[in-house]
């Protein structure tokens, strides 16, 4: 692979922040590159992002035409450019590229900057970045929850956690926005509250302390009573606390000592590092005609142009061969970068349009209606390779009326329909299993076999072992354990 091919592939999977950093380095290094906003003439400028993109019909799911460009530096592009990040018969990406790699490519690939001159050599580039609280929680979320629907809910809740580690949002509002039940959101929150550090994702101080006490196996009825009256503890009203907790002076002193050893702000263990907010790459909005409007976030797209006038001026004055060669390299590098950015934007928009078309029911009705979707389906629909779609969906986010989601979360596995109908999303099936179990009572606890029968009656063909696997993944006990728990709860 040539340096341009390797870098074009990398551009596809860069996040918007990493892309901006790379383009900034190129602007500093290459005198023939200009910022689009600074170089735009009046009227319709070269390199300007399209204002709107074709709407996706909610009923038919069809796009209203070929997606527009976000960075068209060549007057609209052609069919060859539309295929620029596809793959040829040998499996290599097809890219419009100069004969030589962009000047400075090797240096940038090694250091993440425009060069490796001694004056620019930065040892800090080799220091790993500090893990933020949100990053730490997302890592645990990936390990704890395999269900993409619950991951969506978990990611949404993590975004509501402040720097002290407290959940600042309202669960009912989150459930309504995501189109799911409050019980489902609470179940995901219960999993998040088992994460490290202890006490994380609590909704108030009492819950934060209770989580830590449970983790230390110290949350007995007396301690529970103490935590419920933190106002009296703050007033140092020990006689009232002894009466409420039913303990003596010595036991109360031990309980207060245990509370004082807890961390009231567990999130601060990760320091005060600035946490970058997630900036969406794509916006999805309802259109007036009932369709979905898919737009690129122009604020995240670096706008660069090739300054042909300056090139003509300096090349005419160049006399030495080394000067002419340098200018030619700069022109090739600048042209390649503008085209690569243009194609990257086109590809993101095409993939996003197809995701919205395929997952129309999710946007309209919520997470329970996620459809089975894989990379191959999207790749075939837009005429690209699966590897290209995979790279595009990495580190890209879509802002919708239901929240901001990473593109890869819309790809789900499928379960066949019982009567040859449309396949069901595995996430939707998990949600259906959860609903069935939540609706049972102590006298009618459903076995896995009974759940299989009910799902088949609803047109979902699934094996008993699959139901058991999904149930265990959701941390739901067996029917025997559930029956005992419900009977014990009824007796109390």
Protein backbone atom coordinates (compact mmCIF):
# COMPACT_ATOMS: atom_id res chain seq x y z
CA UNK A 1 0.00 0.00 0.00
CA UNK A 2 1.16 3.50 -0.80
CA UNK A 3 1.28 6.12 1.96
CA UNK A 4 -1.84 7.81 0.51
CA UNK A 5 -3.85 4.59 0.62
CA UNK A 6 -2.83 3.89 4.19
CA UNK A 7 -3.60 7.42 5.30
CA UNK A 8 -6.94 7.55 3.46
CA UNK A 9 -8.01 4.41 5.28
CA UNK A 10 -6.95 6.00 8.55
CA UNK A 11 -8.90 9.19 7.73
CA UNK A 12 -12.08 7.12 7.40
CA UNK A 13 -11.90 5.86 10.96
CA UNK A 14 -10.59 9.01 12.66
CA UNK A 15 -12.92 10.75 15.07
CA UNK A 16 -13.82 14.35 14.28
CA UNK A 17 -11.38 15.67 16.91
CA UNK A 18 -8.49 13.59 15.56
CA UNK A 19 -9.35 14.66 12.02
CA UNK A 20 -9.26 18.33 12.96
CA UNK A 21 -5.86 17.84 14.61
CA UNK A 22 -4.48 16.17 11.49
CA UNK A 23 -5.82 18.87 9.16
CA UNK A 24 -4.41 21.61 11.41
CA UNK A 25 -0.97 20.00 11.13
CA UNK A 26 -1.29 19.88 7.33
CA UNK A 27 -2.37 23.54 7.18
CA UNK A 28 0.74 24.54 9.11
CA UNK A 29 3.02 22.40 6.96
CA UNK A 30 1.63 23.00 3.46
CA UNK A 31 1.65 26.62 2.15
CA UNK A 32 -0.78 25.73 -0.65
CA UNK A 33 -3.60 24.80 1.74
CA UNK A 34 -6.06 27.47 2.91
CA UNK A 35 -8.85 27.32 5.42
CA UNK A 36 -12.12 27.16 3.51
CA UNK A 37 -13.86 29.77 5.64
CA UNK A 38 -11.06 32.26 5.05
CA UNK A 39 -10.73 31.62 1.34
CA UNK A 40 -14.41 31.45 0.38
CA UNK A 41 -15.54 34.10 -2.11
CA UNK A 42 -19.08 35.44 -2.18
CA UNK A 43 -21.76 33.16 -3.57
CA UNK A 44 -21.38 29.38 -3.62
CA UNK A 45 -17.76 28.69 -2.62
CA UNK A 46 -15.61 25.72 -3.43
CA UNK A 47 -15.37 23.39 -0.47
CA UNK A 48 -18.59 24.60 1.18
CA UNK A 49 -20.71 21.94 2.91
CA UNK A 50 -24.15 21.25 1.52
CA UNK A 51 -26.86 22.92 3.62
CA UNK A 52 -29.27 20.01 3.54
CA UNK A 53 -29.26 16.37 2.58
CA UNK A 54 -32.02 14.30 0.98
CA UNK A 55 -34.76 13.19 3.32
CA UNK A 56 -35.42 9.54 4.10
CA UNK A 57 -39.07 8.57 3.69
CA UNK A 58 -40.32 7.06 6.96
CA UNK A 59 -42.79 4.81 5.22
CA UNK A 60 -40.81 3.53 2.28
CA UNK A 61 -37.34 4.02 3.76
CA UNK A 62 -36.14 5.27 0.38
CA UNK A 63 -33.75 8.12 0.02
CA UNK A 64 -34.82 11.15 -1.91
CA UNK A 65 -31.85 10.87 -4.21
CA UNK A 66 -28.09 10.55 -4.05
CA UNK A 67 -26.67 12.09 -0.87
CA UNK A 68 -25.08 15.50 -1.33
CA UNK A 69 -21.47 16.27 -0.54
CA UNK A 70 -20.19 17.82 2.61
CA UNK A 71 -16.90 19.03 1.18
CA UNK A 72 -17.00 19.22 -2.60
CA UNK A 73 -13.79 20.91 -3.67
CA UNK A 74 -14.17 19.87 -7.28
CA UNK A 75 -17.50 21.26 -8.36
CA UNK A 76 -19.73 18.38 -7.31
CA UNK A 77 -17.59 15.32 -7.91
CA UNK A 78 -18.22 12.45 -10.30
CA UNK A 79 -18.94 8.74 -10.20
CA UNK A 80 -15.25 7.90 -9.88
CA UNK A 81 -14.97 10.04 -6.78
CA UNK A 82 -18.10 8.43 -5.32
CA UNK A 83 -16.24 5.12 -5.46
CA UNK A 84 -13.04 6.61 -4.11
CA UNK A 85 -13.04 4.67 -0.86
CA UNK A 86 -14.39 1.43 -2.31
CA UNK A 87 -12.15 -1.58 -2.91
CA UNK A 88 -10.83 -3.02 -6.15
CA UNK A 89 -10.62 -6.70 -7.12
CA UNK A 90 -7.37 -7.05 -5.18
CA UNK A 91 -8.97 -5.80 -2.00
CA UNK A 92 -7.21 -2.42 -2.01
CA UNK A 93 -9.04 0.89 -1.55
CA UNK A 94 -9.50 2.88 -4.74
CA UNK A 95 -8.52 6.49 -4.16
CA UNK A 96 -7.87 9.54 -6.35
CA UNK A 97 -4.22 10.10 -5.45
CA UNK A 98 -0.97 11.59 -6.75
CA UNK A 99 1.87 9.39 -7.84
CA UNK A 100 3.87 10.05 -4.69
CA UNK A 101 2.82 10.07 -1.03
CA UNK A 102 1.98 13.38 0.62
CA UNK A 103 5.07 15.19 1.78
CA UNK A 104 5.60 14.71 5.49
CA UNK A 105 3.35 11.65 5.64
CA UNK A 106 5.93 9.37 7.27
CA UNK A 107 6.71 11.95 9.92
CA UNK A 108 3.05 12.53 10.72
CA UNK A 109 2.32 8.81 10.90
CA UNK A 110 5.13 8.40 13.41
CA UNK A 111 4.38 11.35 15.66
CA UNK A 112 0.82 12.48 14.92
CA UNK A 113 2.15 15.90 13.88
CA UNK A 114 3.30 17.62 10.73
CA UNK A 115 6.96 16.79 11.16
CA UNK A 116 9.78 15.45 13.29
CA UNK A 117 12.17 18.39 13.29
CA UNK A 118 14.12 18.70 16.52
CA UNK A 119 12.38 21.99 17.31
CA UNK A 120 8.97 20.33 17.03
CA UNK A 121 9.87 17.08 18.77
CA UNK A 122 7.48 16.73 21.69
CA UNK A 123 8.11 14.12 24.37
CA UNK A 124 4.58 14.69 25.71
CA UNK A 125 3.27 12.93 22.60
CA UNK A 126 4.54 9.67 24.11
CA UNK A 127 2.76 10.15 27.43
CA UNK A 128 -0.51 8.26 27.61
CA UNK A 129 -3.56 10.41 28.18
CA UNK A 130 -5.33 10.25 31.53
CA UNK A 131 -8.36 7.98 31.63
CA UNK A 132 -11.47 10.00 32.31
CA UNK A 133 -14.37 8.85 34.44
CA UNK A 134 -16.59 8.49 31.35
CA UNK A 135 -13.94 6.40 29.55
CA UNK A 136 -13.57 4.14 32.58
CA UNK A 137 -17.31 3.61 32.85
CA UNK A 138 -17.63 2.91 29.10
CA UNK A 139 -14.90 0.27 29.31
CA UNK A 140 -16.80 -1.48 32.10
CA UNK A 141 -20.06 -1.08 30.20
CA UNK A 142 -18.58 -2.96 27.23
CA UNK A 143 -17.58 -5.85 29.48
CA UNK A 144 -20.74 -5.95 31.59
CA UNK A 145 -23.44 -5.59 28.93
CA UNK A 146 -23.44 -7.33 25.56
CA UNK A 147 -26.96 -6.30 24.58
CA UNK A 148 -26.65 -3.27 22.22
CA UNK A 149 -30.01 -1.91 23.37
CA UNK A 150 -28.90 -1.90 26.99
CA UNK A 151 -25.57 -0.50 25.92
CA UNK A 152 -27.41 2.39 24.31
CA UNK A 153 -29.27 2.99 27.55
CA UNK A 154 -26.06 2.63 29.56
CA UNK A 155 -24.18 5.04 27.33
CA UNK A 156 -27.00 7.54 27.65
CA UNK A 157 -26.88 7.29 31.46
CA UNK A 158 -23.08 7.56 31.55
CA UNK A 159 -23.32 10.82 29.65
CA UNK A 160 -25.50 12.14 32.50
CA UNK A 161 -22.87 11.41 35.18
CA UNK A 162 -21.13 14.52 36.51
CA UNK A 163 -17.48 14.82 37.55
CA UNK A 164 -18.31 13.85 41.14
CA UNK A 165 -19.81 10.58 39.91
CA UNK A 166 -23.50 11.39 40.41
CA UNK A 167 -26.25 10.72 37.88
CA UNK A 168 -27.79 14.12 37.18
CA UNK A 169 -30.65 13.16 34.87
CA UNK A 170 -34.19 11.93 35.39
CA UNK A 171 -34.76 8.24 34.65
CA UNK A 172 -38.37 8.70 33.57
CA UNK A 173 -37.32 11.32 31.04
CA UNK A 174 -34.54 9.03 29.80
CA UNK A 175 -36.99 6.15 29.36
CA UNK A 176 -39.41 8.35 27.44
CA UNK A 177 -36.69 9.69 25.18
CA UNK A 178 -35.30 6.25 24.41
CA UNK A 179 -38.73 4.73 23.89
CA UNK A 180 -38.37 2.06 26.54
CA UNK A 181 -39.77 1.30 29.99
CA UNK A 182 -38.64 2.91 33.22
CA UNK A 183 -38.00 -0.58 34.60
CA UNK A 184 -35.52 -1.26 31.80
CA UNK A 185 -33.62 1.97 32.47
CA UNK A 186 -33.56 1.22 36.20
CA UNK A 187 -32.22 -2.27 35.47
CA UNK A 188 -29.35 -0.81 33.45
CA UNK A 189 -28.66 1.76 36.17
CA UNK A 190 -28.47 -1.05 38.73
CA UNK A 191 -25.69 -2.61 36.62
CA UNK A 192 -23.86 0.71 36.30
CA UNK A 193 -23.96 1.13 40.07
CA UNK A 194 -21.90 -2.07 40.43
CA UNK A 195 -19.04 -0.48 38.50
CA UNK A 196 -15.81 0.78 39.95
CA UNK A 197 -15.28 3.07 41.84
CA UNK A 198 -17.89 2.05 44.44
CA UNK A 199 -20.69 4.55 44.81
CA UNK A 200 -20.63 5.63 41.17
CA UNK A 201 -23.82 6.57 39.28
CA UNK A 202 -25.76 7.30 42.47
CA UNK A 203 -28.60 9.78 42.29
CA UNK A 204 -27.94 11.37 45.69
CA UNK A 205 -25.55 11.20 48.62
CA UNK A 206 -27.61 8.64 50.53
CA UNK A 207 -27.63 6.24 47.57
CA UNK A 208 -23.89 6.80 47.00
CA UNK A 209 -23.08 5.86 50.59
CA UNK A 210 -25.51 2.93 50.51
CA UNK A 211 -23.82 1.47 47.43
CA UNK A 212 -20.43 1.63 49.13
CA UNK A 213 -21.75 0.11 52.33
CA UNK A 214 -23.32 -2.76 50.39
CA UNK A 215 -19.98 -3.28 48.66
CA UNK A 216 -18.37 -3.52 52.12
CA UNK A 217 -21.16 -5.80 53.40
CA UNK A 218 -22.06 -3.21 56.06
CA UNK A 219 -25.55 -2.23 54.93
CA UNK A 220 -27.60 -3.80 57.71
CA UNK A 221 -31.02 -2.46 58.88
CA UNK A 222 -29.42 -0.19 61.49
CA UNK A 223 -27.05 1.32 58.93
CA UNK A 224 -29.91 1.69 56.48
CA UNK A 225 -31.82 3.70 59.07
CA UNK A 226 -28.76 5.89 59.70
CA UNK A 227 -28.27 6.61 56.00
CA UNK A 228 -31.94 7.54 55.64
CA UNK A 229 -31.44 10.33 58.20
CA UNK A 230 -28.21 12.01 57.18
CA UNK A 231 -29.79 15.31 58.19
CA UNK A 232 -29.69 14.21 61.83
CA UNK A 233 -26.09 13.04 61.43
CA UNK A 234 -25.15 16.48 60.08
CA UNK A 235 -26.80 18.08 63.12
CA UNK A 236 -24.99 15.59 65.41
CA UNK A 237 -28.34 14.66 66.94
CA UNK A 238 -27.05 11.40 68.36
CA UNK A 239 -29.94 10.66 70.77
CA UNK A 240 -32.41 10.78 67.86
CA UNK A 241 -30.16 8.58 65.74
CA UNK A 242 -29.79 5.99 68.50
CA UNK A 243 -33.56 5.80 68.78
CA UNK A 244 -34.11 5.52 65.01
CA UNK A 245 -31.35 2.94 64.52
CA UNK A 246 -32.08 0.99 67.69
CA UNK A 247 -28.44 0.88 68.79
CA UNK A 248 -26.36 2.01 71.75
CA UNK A 249 -23.63 4.62 72.01
CA UNK A 250 -20.79 2.27 71.06
CA UNK A 251 -22.56 0.78 68.04
CA UNK A 252 -23.59 4.22 66.80
CA UNK A 253 -19.99 5.46 67.10
CA UNK A 254 -18.80 2.49 65.02
CA UNK A 255 -21.48 3.12 62.39
CA UNK A 256 -20.56 6.79 62.12
CA UNK A 257 -16.90 5.85 61.78
CA UNK A 258 -17.80 3.51 58.91
CA UNK A 259 -19.71 6.28 57.16
CA UNK A 260 -16.84 8.73 57.55
CA UNK A 261 -14.50 6.29 55.79
CA UNK A 262 -16.69 6.38 52.66
CA UNK A 263 -16.09 8.60 49.64
CA UNK A 264 -18.96 11.07 49.09
CA UNK A 265 -17.63 12.03 45.63
CA UNK A 266 -16.22 8.86 44.03
CA UNK A 267 -15.90 10.43 40.58
CA UNK A 268 -13.23 12.86 41.73
CA UNK A 269 -10.79 9.95 41.96
CA UNK A 270 -10.22 10.55 38.25
CA UNK A 271 -9.06 14.11 38.82
CA UNK A 272 -10.30 17.31 37.28
CA UNK A 273 -9.21 16.57 33.73
CA UNK A 274 -11.34 18.24 31.10
CA UNK A 275 -13.77 15.72 29.60
CA UNK A 276 -14.44 16.39 25.93
CA UNK A 277 -18.14 16.17 25.10
CA UNK A 278 -19.25 13.84 22.34
CA UNK A 279 -19.67 15.87 19.16
CA UNK A 280 -22.04 14.19 16.68
CA UNK A 281 -20.89 13.69 13.11
CA UNK A 282 -24.44 13.37 11.77
CA UNK A 283 -27.78 14.91 12.69
CA UNK A 284 -31.08 13.09 12.14
CA UNK A 285 -34.19 15.29 12.30
CA UNK A 286 -37.84 14.71 11.44
CA UNK A 287 -38.71 16.48 8.18
CA UNK A 288 -42.00 18.40 7.74
CA UNK A 289 -43.27 15.78 5.28
CA UNK A 290 -42.89 12.95 7.80
CA UNK A 291 -39.53 11.72 6.49
CA UNK A 292 -36.14 11.82 8.21
CA UNK A 293 -33.62 14.50 7.32
CA UNK A 294 -30.01 13.30 7.56
CA UNK A 295 -27.34 16.00 7.67
CA UNK A 296 -23.61 16.07 8.28
CA UNK A 297 -22.45 18.25 11.13
CA UNK A 298 -20.60 20.90 9.15
CA UNK A 299 -18.92 22.18 12.32
CA UNK A 300 -16.87 18.98 12.55
CA UNK A 301 -15.77 19.01 8.90
CA UNK A 302 -12.45 20.78 8.31
CA UNK A 303 -12.85 23.15 5.35
CA UNK A 304 -9.67 23.34 3.28
CA UNK A 305 -8.95 24.53 -0.25
CA UNK A 306 -6.01 24.39 -2.62
CA UNK A 307 -4.75 27.92 -3.26
CA UNK A 308 -4.17 27.67 -7.01
CA UNK A 309 -3.48 31.41 -7.37
CA UNK A 310 -0.64 31.31 -4.87
CA UNK A 311 0.76 28.18 -6.52
CA UNK A 312 0.78 29.85 -9.93
CA UNK A 313 2.50 32.91 -8.46
CA UNK A 314 5.28 31.12 -6.61
CA UNK A 315 5.86 28.44 -9.26
CA UNK A 316 6.40 31.13 -11.90
CA UNK A 317 9.09 32.67 -9.71
CA UNK A 318 10.79 29.36 -8.86
CA UNK A 319 14.14 28.85 -10.56
CA UNK A 320 15.83 25.96 -8.80
CA UNK A 321 14.77 22.36 -9.38
CA UNK A 322 14.51 21.75 -5.64
CA UNK A 323 12.00 24.62 -5.31
CA UNK A 324 9.91 23.32 -8.21
CA UNK A 325 9.95 19.80 -6.76
CA UNK A 326 8.88 21.08 -3.34
CA UNK A 327 5.97 23.04 -4.83
CA UNK A 328 4.88 20.01 -6.89
CA UNK A 329 4.89 17.84 -3.76
CA UNK A 330 2.88 20.44 -1.86
CA UNK A 331 0.32 20.66 -4.67
CA UNK A 332 -0.05 16.88 -4.83
CA UNK A 333 -0.40 16.61 -1.07
CA UNK A 334 -2.95 19.44 -0.89
CA UNK A 335 -5.02 18.02 -3.75
CA UNK A 336 -4.98 14.57 -2.18
CA UNK A 337 -6.08 15.87 1.21
CA UNK A 338 -9.01 17.88 -0.17
CA UNK A 339 -10.23 14.90 -2.18
CA UNK A 340 -9.79 12.50 0.73
CA UNK A 341 -11.78 14.78 3.05
CA UNK A 342 -14.47 15.14 0.41
CA UNK A 343 -14.76 11.39 -0.04
CA UNK A 344 -14.72 10.77 3.72
CA UNK A 345 -17.69 13.10 4.17
CA UNK A 346 -19.58 11.49 1.27
CA UNK A 347 -19.03 8.03 2.66
CA UNK A 348 -20.15 8.93 6.19
CA UNK A 349 -23.31 10.48 4.76
CA UNK A 350 -24.09 7.46 2.57
CA UNK A 351 -23.65 5.03 5.46
CA UNK A 352 -25.72 7.22 7.80
CA UNK A 353 -28.54 7.53 5.26
CA UNK A 354 -28.72 3.77 4.92
CA UNK A 355 -28.66 3.21 8.69
CA UNK A 356 -31.57 5.63 9.11
CA UNK A 357 -33.46 3.92 6.29
CA UNK A 358 -32.91 0.48 7.81
CA UNK A 359 -33.61 1.51 11.42
CA UNK A 360 -36.58 3.78 10.71
CA UNK A 361 -38.70 2.04 13.38
CA UNK A 362 -36.13 2.77 16.08
CA UNK A 363 -36.20 6.50 15.38
CA UNK A 364 -39.99 6.51 15.30
CA UNK A 365 -40.82 4.13 18.18
CA UNK A 366 -37.74 3.39 20.31
CA UNK A 367 -35.14 0.74 21.14
CA UNK A 368 -37.60 -2.16 21.19
CA UNK A 369 -38.01 -1.76 17.43
CA UNK A 370 -34.37 -2.10 16.39
CA UNK A 371 -34.15 -4.21 13.24
CA UNK A 372 -31.51 -6.84 12.50
CA UNK A 373 -28.71 -5.09 10.63
CA UNK A 374 -25.19 -6.05 9.67
CA UNK A 375 -22.32 -4.45 7.77
CA UNK A 376 -22.97 -6.54 4.66
CA UNK A 377 -26.54 -5.28 4.29
CA UNK A 378 -25.47 -1.65 4.42
CA UNK A 379 -22.42 -2.25 2.21
CA UNK A 380 -24.50 -3.91 -0.51
CA UNK A 381 -27.16 -1.18 -0.36
CA UNK A 382 -24.67 1.64 -0.96
CA UNK A 383 -22.27 -0.28 -3.22
CA UNK A 384 -19.26 -0.33 -0.93
CA UNK A 385 -17.09 -2.91 0.76
CA UNK A 386 -17.91 -4.15 4.27
CA UNK A 387 -14.49 -3.04 5.48
CA UNK A 388 -15.23 0.51 4.36
CA UNK A 389 -18.53 0.55 6.27
CA UNK A 390 -16.80 -0.87 9.34
CA UNK A 391 -14.19 1.89 9.31
CA UNK A 392 -16.79 4.60 8.76
CA UNK A 393 -18.85 3.52 11.77
CA UNK A 394 -15.84 3.60 14.12
CA UNK A 395 -15.71 6.68 16.37
CA UNK A 396 -18.69 8.32 14.60
CA UNK A 397 -21.79 9.51 16.41
CA UNK A 398 -25.34 10.26 15.30
CA UNK A 399 -27.48 12.84 17.11
CA UNK A 400 -31.16 11.92 17.10
CA UNK A 401 -34.28 12.92 18.98
CA UNK A 402 -33.60 9.92 21.24
CA UNK A 403 -30.03 10.88 22.09
CA UNK A 404 -26.54 10.57 20.64
CA UNK A 405 -25.48 7.06 19.61
CA UNK A 406 -22.36 5.60 18.08
CA UNK A 407 -23.08 4.36 14.57
CA UNK A 408 -21.90 0.83 15.33
CA UNK A 409 -24.67 0.39 17.92
CA UNK A 410 -27.24 0.24 15.13
CA UNK A 411 -25.79 -3.04 13.85
CA UNK A 412 -27.52 -5.97 15.56
CA UNK A 413 -27.69 -9.73 15.13
CA UNK A 414 -30.85 -11.38 13.82
CA UNK A 415 -33.24 -14.14 14.93
CA UNK A 416 -35.36 -15.84 12.30
CA UNK A 417 -39.13 -15.47 12.22
CA UNK A 418 -41.14 -18.57 13.10
CA UNK A 419 -43.25 -18.54 9.92
CA UNK A 420 -40.78 -17.30 7.37
CA UNK A 421 -41.52 -13.62 7.96
CA UNK A 422 -39.15 -10.76 8.63
CA UNK A 423 -36.29 -11.58 11.02
CA UNK A 424 -36.26 -10.11 14.51
CA UNK A 425 -33.47 -8.13 16.13
CA UNK A 426 -31.78 -10.03 18.96
CA UNK A 427 -32.10 -6.90 21.06
CA UNK A 428 -35.84 -6.73 20.44
CA UNK A 429 -36.14 -10.41 21.43
CA UNK A 430 -34.23 -9.77 24.67
CA UNK A 431 -36.56 -6.90 25.38
CA UNK A 432 -39.59 -9.18 24.77
CA UNK A 433 -38.18 -11.82 27.15
CA UNK A 434 -37.66 -9.14 29.80
CA UNK A 435 -41.24 -7.93 29.37
CA UNK A 436 -42.65 -11.45 29.75
CA UNK A 437 -40.67 -12.05 32.95
CA UNK A 438 -41.53 -8.65 34.41
CA UNK A 439 -45.24 -9.41 33.92
CA UNK A 440 -45.19 -12.79 35.71
CA UNK A 441 -46.38 -13.30 39.29
CA UNK A 442 -45.60 -15.77 42.08
CA UNK A 443 -48.27 -18.23 40.93
CA UNK A 444 -47.34 -18.09 37.24
CA UNK A 445 -43.56 -17.98 36.89
CA UNK A 446 -42.48 -18.72 33.32
CA UNK A 447 -39.95 -21.43 32.59
CA UNK A 448 -37.56 -21.04 29.67
CA UNK A 449 -39.61 -23.57 27.70
CA UNK A 450 -42.80 -21.56 28.32
CA UNK A 451 -41.04 -18.39 27.18
CA UNK A 452 -40.01 -20.20 23.98
CA UNK A 453 -43.64 -21.17 23.34
CA UNK A 454 -44.90 -17.62 23.91
CA UNK A 455 -42.25 -16.19 21.60
CA UNK A 456 -43.14 -18.69 18.88
CA UNK A 457 -46.77 -17.71 19.24
CA UNK A 458 -45.59 -14.15 18.56
CA UNK A 459 -43.75 -15.33 15.43
CA UNK A 460 -40.24 -15.54 16.89
CA UNK A 461 -38.38 -18.80 16.31
CA UNK A 462 -35.83 -19.23 19.09
CA UNK A 463 -34.21 -22.15 20.91
CA UNK A 464 -34.57 -22.71 24.66
CA UNK A 465 -30.81 -22.48 25.20
CA UNK A 466 -30.84 -19.09 23.47
CA UNK A 467 -33.57 -17.88 25.83
CA UNK A 468 -31.49 -19.12 28.77
CA UNK A 469 -28.40 -17.35 27.42
CA UNK A 470 -30.24 -14.05 26.99
CA UNK A 471 -31.86 -14.37 30.42
CA UNK A 472 -28.50 -14.98 32.11
CA UNK A 473 -26.91 -12.08 30.18
CA UNK A 474 -29.64 -9.83 31.61
CA UNK A 475 -28.85 -11.22 35.09
CA UNK A 476 -32.32 -12.67 35.48
CA UNK A 477 -32.47 -15.75 37.77
CA UNK A 478 -33.95 -19.07 36.72
CA UNK A 479 -37.67 -19.72 37.08
CA UNK A 480 -37.08 -21.72 40.30
CA UNK A 481 -35.13 -18.87 41.90
CA UNK A 482 -37.68 -16.29 40.74
CA UNK A 483 -40.57 -18.32 42.16
CA UNK A 484 -38.88 -18.54 45.58
CA UNK A 485 -38.08 -14.81 45.58
CA UNK A 486 -41.64 -13.84 44.60
CA UNK A 487 -43.18 -16.16 47.17
CA UNK A 488 -40.90 -14.79 49.89
CA UNK A 489 -41.77 -11.24 48.88
CA UNK A 490 -45.50 -12.07 48.94
CA UNK A 491 -45.18 -13.63 52.41
CA UNK A 492 -43.58 -10.46 53.75
